[in-house]
C-alpha atoms as a PDB file:
ATOM      1  CA  MET A   1     205.615  44.769-107.574  1.00  0.00           C
ATOM      2  CA  LEU A   2     209.009  46.258-106.824  1.00  0.00           C
ATOM      3  CA  PHE A   3     209.579  49.702-105.335  1.00  0.00           C
ATOM      4  CA  GLY A   4     212.964  51.286-104.684  1.00  0.00           C
ATOM      5  CA  ASP A   5     213.426  54.593-102.886  1.00  0.00           C
ATOM      6  CA  VAL A   6     216.665  56.618-102.871  1.00  0.00           C
ATOM      7  CA  VAL A   7     217.614  57.438 -99.299  1.00  0.00           C
ATOM      8  CA  ARG A   8     217.882  61.209 -98.635  1.00  0.00           C
ATOM      9  CA  SER A   9     217.208  61.967-102.301  1.00  0.00           C
ATOM     10  CA  ARG A  10     216.149  65.547-101.504  1.00  0.00           C
ATOM     11  CA  ARG A  11     219.749  66.423-100.682  1.00  0.00           C
ATOM     12  CA  ASP A  12     220.679  65.865-104.334  1.00  0.00           C
ATOM     13  CA  PRO A  13     217.560  65.443-106.477  1.00  0.00           C
ATOM     14  CA  GLU A  14     219.396  65.765-109.795  1.00  0.00           C
ATOM     15  CA  GLY A  15     222.006  63.200-108.800  1.00  0.00           C
ATOM     16  CA  SER A  16     219.312  60.845-107.532  1.00  0.00           C
ATOM     17  CA  SER A  17     217.424  61.122-110.809  1.00  0.00           C
ATOM     18  CA  ARG A  18     220.580  60.402-112.811  1.00  0.00           C
ATOM     19  CA  TRP A  19     221.242  57.352-110.652  1.00  0.00           C
ATOM     20  CA  LEU A  20     217.699  56.013-111.069  1.00  0.00           C
ATOM     21  CA  ARG A  21     217.828  56.573-114.804  1.00  0.00           C
ATOM     22  CA  ALA A  22     221.038  54.519-114.973  1.00  0.00           C
ATOM     23  CA  LEU A  23     219.575  51.843-112.705  1.00  0.00           C
ATOM     24  CA  CYS A  24     216.387  51.572-114.766  1.00  0.00           C
ATOM     25  CA  GLY A  25     218.527  51.011-117.846  1.00  0.00           C
ATOM     26  CA  ALA A  26     220.524  48.302-116.072  1.00  0.00           C
ATOM     27  CA  LEU A  27     217.338  46.617-114.875  1.00  0.00           C
ATOM     28  CA  GLU A  28     215.798  46.654-118.338  1.00  0.00           C
ATOM     29  CA  GLU A  29     218.886  44.806-119.572  1.00  0.00           C
ATOM     30  CA  ALA A  30     218.940  42.408-116.609  1.00  0.00           C
ATOM     31  CA  TYR A  31     215.340  41.253-116.953  1.00  0.00           C
ATOM     32  CA  PRO A  32     214.289  39.795-120.324  1.00  0.00           C
ATOM     33  CA  PRO A  33     210.855  40.840-121.624  1.00  0.00           C
ATOM     34  CA  ALA A  34     209.298  37.559-120.453  1.00  0.00           C
ATOM     35  CA  GLU A  35     210.146  38.481-116.851  1.00  0.00           C
ATOM     36  CA  ARG A  36     208.791  42.035-117.047  1.00  0.00           C
ATOM     37  CA  VAL A  37     205.059  42.726-116.959  1.00  0.00           C
ATOM     38  CA  ALA A  38     205.792  46.432-117.439  1.00  0.00           C
ATOM     39  CA  SER A  39     208.868  48.560-118.022  1.00  0.00           C
ATOM     40  CA  PHE A  40     210.786  50.089-115.128  1.00  0.00           C
ATOM     41  CA  GLY A  41     210.366  53.757-114.357  1.00  0.00           C
ATOM     42  CA  PHE A  42     210.721  56.281-111.580  1.00  0.00           C
ATOM     43  CA  THR A  43     208.651  59.121-110.206  1.00  0.00           C
ATOM     44  CA  GLN A  44     209.601  62.745-109.622  1.00  0.00           C
ATOM     45  CA  GLY A  45     209.937  61.804-105.971  1.00  0.00           C
ATOM     46  CA  ASP A  46     212.907  59.599-106.919  1.00  0.00           C
ATOM     47  CA  GLU A  47     211.082  56.327-106.396  1.00  0.00           C
ATOM     48  CA  LEU A  48     211.801  53.454-108.752  1.00  0.00           C
ATOM     49  CA  GLN A  49     208.919  51.149-109.680  1.00  0.00           C
ATOM     50  CA  GLY A  50     208.985  47.839-111.492  1.00  0.00           C
ATOM     51  CA  LEU A  51     206.411  45.168-112.266  1.00  0.00           C
ATOM     52  CA  LEU A  52     207.819  41.660-112.645  1.00  0.00           C
ATOM     53  CA  ALA A  53     206.340  38.329-113.643  1.00  0.00           C
ATOM     54  CA  PRO A  54     205.561  36.059-110.648  1.00  0.00           C
ATOM     55  CA  THR A  55     208.497  33.752-111.413  1.00  0.00           C
ATOM     56  CA  ALA A  56     211.082  36.534-111.875  1.00  0.00           C
ATOM     57  CA  ASP A  57     213.737  37.066-109.213  1.00  0.00           C
ATOM     58  CA  PRO A  58     213.238  40.466-107.511  1.00  0.00           C
ATOM     59  CA  PHE A  59     216.533  40.131-105.647  1.00  0.00           C
ATOM     60  CA  ARG A  60     218.409  40.586-108.910  1.00  0.00           C
ATOM     61  CA  ALA A  61     217.172  44.179-108.845  1.00  0.00           C
ATOM     62  CA  VAL A  62     218.206  44.633-105.219  1.00  0.00           C
ATOM     63  CA  LEU A  63     221.684  43.310-106.003  1.00  0.00           C
ATOM     64  CA  LEU A  64     222.049  45.534-109.046  1.00  0.00           C
ATOM     65  CA  GLY A  65     220.911  48.523-107.008  1.00  0.00           C
ATOM     66  CA  ALA A  66     223.356  47.806-104.187  1.00  0.00           C
ATOM     67  CA  LEU A  67     226.382  46.631-106.211  1.00  0.00           C
ATOM     68  CA  HIS A  68     226.169  48.885-109.258  1.00  0.00           C
ATOM     69  CA  GLU A  69     229.081  51.278-109.786  1.00  0.00           C
ATOM     70  CA  GLY A  70     228.106  54.622-108.279  1.00  0.00           C
ATOM     71  CA  ALA A  71     225.149  53.098-106.422  1.00  0.00           C
ATOM     72  CA  ARG A  72     223.251  55.290-103.987  1.00  0.00           C
ATOM     73  CA  PRO A  73     221.733  53.982-100.735  1.00  0.00           C
ATOM     74  CA  MET A  74     218.205  52.710-101.340  1.00  0.00           C
ATOM     75  CA  ARG A  75     215.245  51.174 -99.571  1.00  0.00           C
ATOM     76  CA  TRP A  76     213.336  48.364-101.272  1.00  0.00           C
ATOM     77  CA  SER A  77     209.811  47.050-101.033  1.00  0.00           C
ATOM     78  CA  ILE A  78     208.857  43.783-102.754  1.00  0.00           C
ATOM     79  CA  ALA A  79     205.237  42.625-102.888  1.00  0.00           C
ATOM     80  CA  LEU A  80     203.395  39.664-104.395  1.00  0.00           C
ATOM     81  CA  GLY A  81     199.842  40.332-105.491  1.00  0.00           C
ATOM     82  CA  GLU A  82     197.408  41.194-108.249  1.00  0.00           C
ATOM     83  CA  VAL A  83     197.658  44.247-110.488  1.00  0.00           C
ATOM     84  CA  ALA A  84     195.073  45.867-112.680  1.00  0.00           C
ATOM     85  CA  PRO A  85     195.387  45.025-116.392  1.00  0.00           C
ATOM     86  CA  GLY A  86     197.059  47.579-118.587  1.00  0.00           C
ATOM     87  CA  THR A  87     199.944  48.227-120.966  1.00  0.00           C
ATOM     88  CA  GLY A  88     201.709  51.220-119.451  1.00  0.00           C
ATOM     89  CA  PRO A  89     204.932  51.336-117.423  1.00  0.00           C
ATOM     90  CA  ALA A  90     204.983  50.309-113.770  1.00  0.00           C
ATOM     91  CA  THR A  91     204.536  53.935-112.679  1.00  0.00           C
ATOM     92  CA  GLU A  92     201.100  53.980-114.361  1.00  0.00           C
ATOM     93  CA  ARG A  93     199.762  50.752-112.857  1.00  0.00           C
ATOM     94  CA  ALA A  94     197.644  50.018-109.790  1.00  0.00           C
ATOM     95  CA  GLY A  95     196.184  47.141-107.817  1.00  0.00           C
ATOM     96  CA  GLU A  96     196.704  45.045-104.701  1.00  0.00           C
ATOM     97  CA  ALA A  97     200.436  44.536-105.252  1.00  0.00           C
ATOM     98  CA  PHE A  98     200.922  48.254-105.831  1.00  0.00           C
ATOM     99  CA  ILE A  99     199.219  49.113-102.533  1.00  0.00           C
ATOM    100  CA  ARG A 100     201.150  46.460-100.624  1.00  0.00           C
ATOM    101  CA  ALA A 101     204.465  47.627-102.087  1.00  0.00           C
ATOM    102  CA  ARG A 102     203.606  51.238-101.226  1.00  0.00           C
ATOM    103  CA  ASP A 103     202.772  50.302 -97.643  1.00  0.00           C
ATOM    104  CA  GLY A 104     206.012  48.327 -97.421  1.00  0.00           C
ATOM    105  CA  LEU A 105     208.067  51.307 -98.524  1.00  0.00           C
ATOM    106  CA  VAL A 106     206.376  53.493 -95.914  1.00  0.00           C
ATOM    107  CA  ALA A 107     207.154  50.864 -93.267  1.00  0.00           C
ATOM    108  CA  ALA A 108     210.781  50.653 -94.455  1.00  0.00           C
ATOM    109  CA  LYS A 109     211.184  54.398 -94.005  1.00  0.00           C
ATOM    110  CA  LEU A 110     209.477  54.366 -90.612  1.00  0.00           C
ATOM    111  CA  HIS A 111     211.553  51.511 -89.210  1.00  0.00           C
ATOM    112  CA  ARG A 112     214.735  52.430 -91.119  1.00  0.00           C
ATOM    113  CA  GLU A 113     214.944  49.050 -92.798  1.00  0.00           C
ATOM    114  CA  GLY A 114     216.591  48.469 -96.150  1.00  0.00           C
ATOM    115  CA  ILE A 115     214.214  45.815 -97.491  1.00  0.00           C
ATOM    116  CA  VAL A 116     210.588  44.978 -96.726  1.00  0.00           C
ATOM    117  CA  ILE A 117     208.855  42.009 -98.385  1.00  0.00           C
ATOM    118  CA  SER A 118     205.161  41.147 -98.405  1.00  0.00           C
ATOM    119  CA  THR A 119     203.671  38.030 -99.985  1.00  0.00           C
ATOM    120  CA  GLY A 120     200.261  37.926 -98.327  1.00  0.00           C
ATOM    121  CA  GLU A 121     201.094  34.543 -96.754  1.00  0.00           C
ATOM    122  CA  PRO A 122     201.384  35.193 -92.966  1.00  0.00           C
ATOM    123  CA  GLY A 123     203.959  32.541 -92.114  1.00  0.00           C
ATOM    124  CA  ALA A 124     206.235  33.509 -94.965  1.00  0.00           C
ATOM    125  CA  ASP A 125     205.905  37.199 -94.197  1.00  0.00           C
ATOM    126  CA  ARG A 126     207.015  36.685 -90.597  1.00  0.00           C
ATOM    127  CA  LEU A 127     210.165  34.927 -91.774  1.00  0.00           C
ATOM    128  CA  LEU A 128     210.813  37.497 -94.478  1.00  0.00           C
ATOM    129  CA  GLY A 129     210.343  40.298 -91.978  1.00  0.00           C
ATOM    130  CA  ASP A 130     213.219  38.903 -89.920  1.00  0.00           C
ATOM    131  CA  LEU A 131     215.564  37.971 -92.766  1.00  0.00           C
ATOM    132  CA  ALA A 132     215.156  40.668 -95.430  1.00  0.00           C
ATOM    133  CA  PRO A 133     216.611  43.535 -93.333  1.00  0.00           C
ATOM    134  CA  LEU A 134     219.696  41.400 -92.695  1.00  0.00           C
ATOM    135  CA  LEU A 135     220.345  41.214 -96.435  1.00  0.00           C
ATOM    136  CA  ALA A 136     220.184  45.002 -96.685  1.00  0.00           C
ATOM    137  CA  GLU A 137     222.628  45.373 -93.793  1.00  0.00           C
ATOM    138  CA  LEU A 138     225.129  42.941 -95.299  1.00  0.00           C
ATOM    139  CA  LEU A 139     225.007  44.638 -98.704  1.00  0.00           C
ATOM    140  CA  ALA A 140     225.362  48.097 -97.166  1.00  0.00           C
ATOM    141  CA  GLY A 141     228.439  46.948 -95.240  1.00  0.00           C
ATOM    142  CA  LEU A 142     230.449  46.005 -98.337  1.00  0.00           C
ATOM    143  CA  THR A 143     233.450  48.100 -99.275  1.00  0.00           C
ATOM    144  CA  PRO A 144     233.738  49.183-102.942  1.00  0.00           C
ATOM    145  CA  SER A 145     236.230  46.397-103.691  1.00  0.00           C
ATOM    146  CA  GLN A 146     234.072  43.818-101.917  1.00  0.00           C
ATOM    147  CA  ALA A 147     231.036  45.074-103.833  1.00  0.00           C
ATOM    148  CA  ARG A 148     232.820  44.586-107.165  1.00  0.00           C
ATOM    149  CA  ILE A 149     233.663  41.019-106.223  1.00  0.00           C
ATOM    150  CA  ALA A 150     230.143  40.395-104.905  1.00  0.00           C
ATOM    151  CA  ARG A 151     228.664  41.705-108.143  1.00  0.00           C
ATOM    152  CA  LEU A 152     230.717  39.294-110.238  1.00  0.00           C
ATOM    153  CA  MET A 153     229.935  36.348-107.989  1.00  0.00           C
ATOM    154  CA  LEU A 154     226.294  36.995-107.097  1.00  0.00           C
ATOM    155  CA  ILE A 155     225.057  38.521-110.358  1.00  0.00           C
ATOM    156  CA  GLU A 156     227.483  37.241-112.988  1.00  0.00           C
ATOM    157  CA  ASP A 157     227.793  33.862-111.183  1.00  0.00           C
ATOM    158  CA  LEU A 158     231.579  33.732-111.501  1.00  0.00           C
ATOM    159  CA  ARG A 159     233.850  31.589-109.350  1.00  0.00           C
ATOM    160  CA  GLN A 160     236.599  33.148-107.245  1.00  0.00           C
ATOM    161  CA  ALA A 161     239.279  32.129-109.752  1.00  0.00           C
ATOM    162  CA  ASP A 162     237.310  33.739-112.593  1.00  0.00           C
ATOM    163  CA  VAL A 163     236.787  36.894-110.536  1.00  0.00           C
ATOM    164  CA  ALA A 164     240.538  37.131-109.909  1.00  0.00           C
ATOM    165  CA  ASP A 165     241.214  36.843-113.649  1.00  0.00           C
ATOM    166  CA  THR A 166     238.514  39.402-114.498  1.00  0.00           C
ATOM    167  CA  LEU A 167     239.810  41.978-112.001  1.00  0.00           C
ATOM    168  CA  ASN A 168     243.467  41.114-112.610  1.00  0.00           C
ATOM    169  CA  VAL A 169     244.117  40.490-108.912  1.00  0.00           C
ATOM    170  CA  SER A 170     245.411  37.497-107.004  1.00  0.00           C
ATOM    171  CA  ARG A 171     243.104  34.702-105.923  1.00  0.00           C
ATOM    172  CA  ALA A 172     244.175  35.396-102.344  1.00  0.00           C
ATOM    173  CA  THR A 173     242.893  38.968-102.666  1.00  0.00           C
ATOM    174  CA  VAL A 174     239.512  37.701-103.840  1.00  0.00           C
ATOM    175  CA  SER A 175     239.408  35.071-101.099  1.00  0.00           C
ATOM    176  CA  VAL A 176     240.092  37.641 -98.363  1.00  0.00           C
ATOM    177  CA  ALA A 177     237.487  40.065 -99.736  1.00  0.00           C
ATOM    178  CA  HIS A 178     235.015  37.216-100.080  1.00  0.00           C
ATOM    179  CA  ALA A 179     235.473  36.270 -96.423  1.00  0.00           C
ATOM    180  CA  ARG A 180     235.545  39.787 -94.970  1.00  0.00           C
ATOM    181  CA  GLY A 181     232.545  40.872 -97.026  1.00  0.00           C
ATOM    182  CA  HIS A 182     230.546  37.826 -95.874  1.00  0.00           C
ATOM    183  CA  ILE A 183     229.684  37.170 -99.515  1.00  0.00           C
ATOM    184  CA  ARG A 184     228.995  33.491 -98.853  1.00  0.00           C
ATOM    185  CA  SER A 185     226.522  34.488 -96.135  1.00  0.00           C
ATOM    186  CA  ILE A 186     224.845  36.915 -98.531  1.00  0.00           C
ATOM    187  CA  ASP A 187     224.517  34.153-101.114  1.00  0.00           C
ATOM    188  CA  ARG A 188     223.017  31.737 -98.579  1.00  0.00           C
ATOM    189  CA  LEU A 189     220.627  34.388 -97.308  1.00  0.00           C
ATOM    190  CA  LEU A 190     219.496  35.114-100.860  1.00  0.00           C
ATOM    191  CA  ASP A 191     218.789  31.417-101.401  1.00  0.00           C
ATOM    192  CA  ALA A 192     216.703  31.353 -98.207  1.00  0.00           C
ATOM    193  CA  LEU A 193     214.715  34.451 -99.170  1.00  0.00           C
ATOM    194  CA  ARG A 194     214.065  33.131-102.666  1.00  0.00           C
ATOM    195  CA  GLY A 195     212.955  29.796-101.239  1.00  0.00           C
ATOM    196  CA  ILE A 196     210.524  31.406 -98.797  1.00  0.00           C
ATOM    197  CA  MET A 197     209.051  33.638-101.475  1.00  0.00           C
ATOM    198  CA  GLY A 198     208.735  30.710-103.870  1.00  0.00           C
ATOM    199  CA  ALA A 199     206.954  28.609-101.262  1.00  0.00           C
ATOM    200  CA  ALA A 200     204.619  31.488-100.468  1.00  0.00           C
ATOM    201  CA  ARG A 201     203.809  31.972-104.148  1.00  0.00           C
ATOM    202  CA  LEU A 202     202.984  28.282-104.577  1.00  0.00           C
ATOM    203  CA  ALA A 203     200.807  28.319-101.447  1.00  0.00           C
ATOM    204  CA  LEU A 204     198.876  31.302-102.756  1.00  0.00           C
ATOM    205  CA  GLU A 205     198.460  29.717-106.181  1.00  0.00           C
ATOM    206  CA  GLU A 206     197.014  26.566-104.588  1.00  0.00           C
ATOM    207  CA  ALA A 207     194.563  28.590-102.481  1.00  0.00           C
ATOM    208  CA  PRO A 208     190.966  29.040-103.745  1.00  0.00           C
ATOM    209  CA  PRO A 209     191.000  31.464-106.677  1.00  0.00           C
ATOM    210  CA  ASN A 210     190.045  35.078-106.103  1.00  0.00           C
ATOM    211  CA  ALA A 211     187.046  36.026-108.170  1.00  0.00           C
ATOM    212  CA  ASN A 212     188.498  39.508-108.588  1.00  0.00           C
ATOM    213  CA  ALA A 213     191.920  38.317-109.747  1.00  0.00           C
ATOM    214  CA  THR A 214     193.129  40.051-112.848  1.00  0.00           C
ATOM    215  CA  GLU A 215     196.806  39.795-113.619  1.00  0.00           C
ATOM    216  CA  GLY A 216     199.386  38.158-111.345  1.00  0.00           C
ATOM    217  CA  ALA A 217     202.622  40.023-110.840  1.00  0.00           C
ATOM    218  CA  ARG A 218     205.330  40.842-108.370  1.00  0.00           C
END
């Protein structure tokens, strides 16, 4: 389960809704149907909700939300867990993952953290609790030009030379932005977070099955 909350959305509710509508469209394009258990949507309280397959990468959504043109500051809550069966959008679903994601978003607001992750595996959650907020801080610290370069490298998977050609700038310009924006550190941190979540998912799958399990999702 994936929740995203627009920071200070009440100051501009119409603008926040327009942003979430654009982001939902971008996320629907970014995740193929096989990686989506339900379509993305958002509530009247300007809270985005998505339901992904267990093997989908939730950090793609975080990156799109942070690096999208015209992005607004957001908090994110990612949770592994079971969801009740159904066919509606994520905003109409319920279950363990939904509750855990909701609690994570409340905790993110309380502690002013940009990302909270819960897998249900204690060891993994301790590591994720330390590392996930760092990712949010690094993404929030990017300048607009650094964010454009980060988007091409981290989402589009382009090399620095290809980024320079795409943006029609010198390779030196890309190299400087890459270094000052700590884009390599962001990439390495993403790899670590994905690895921890993947290990936690495998550990949970190998645990004794839950008799009440219904439909696995993130």
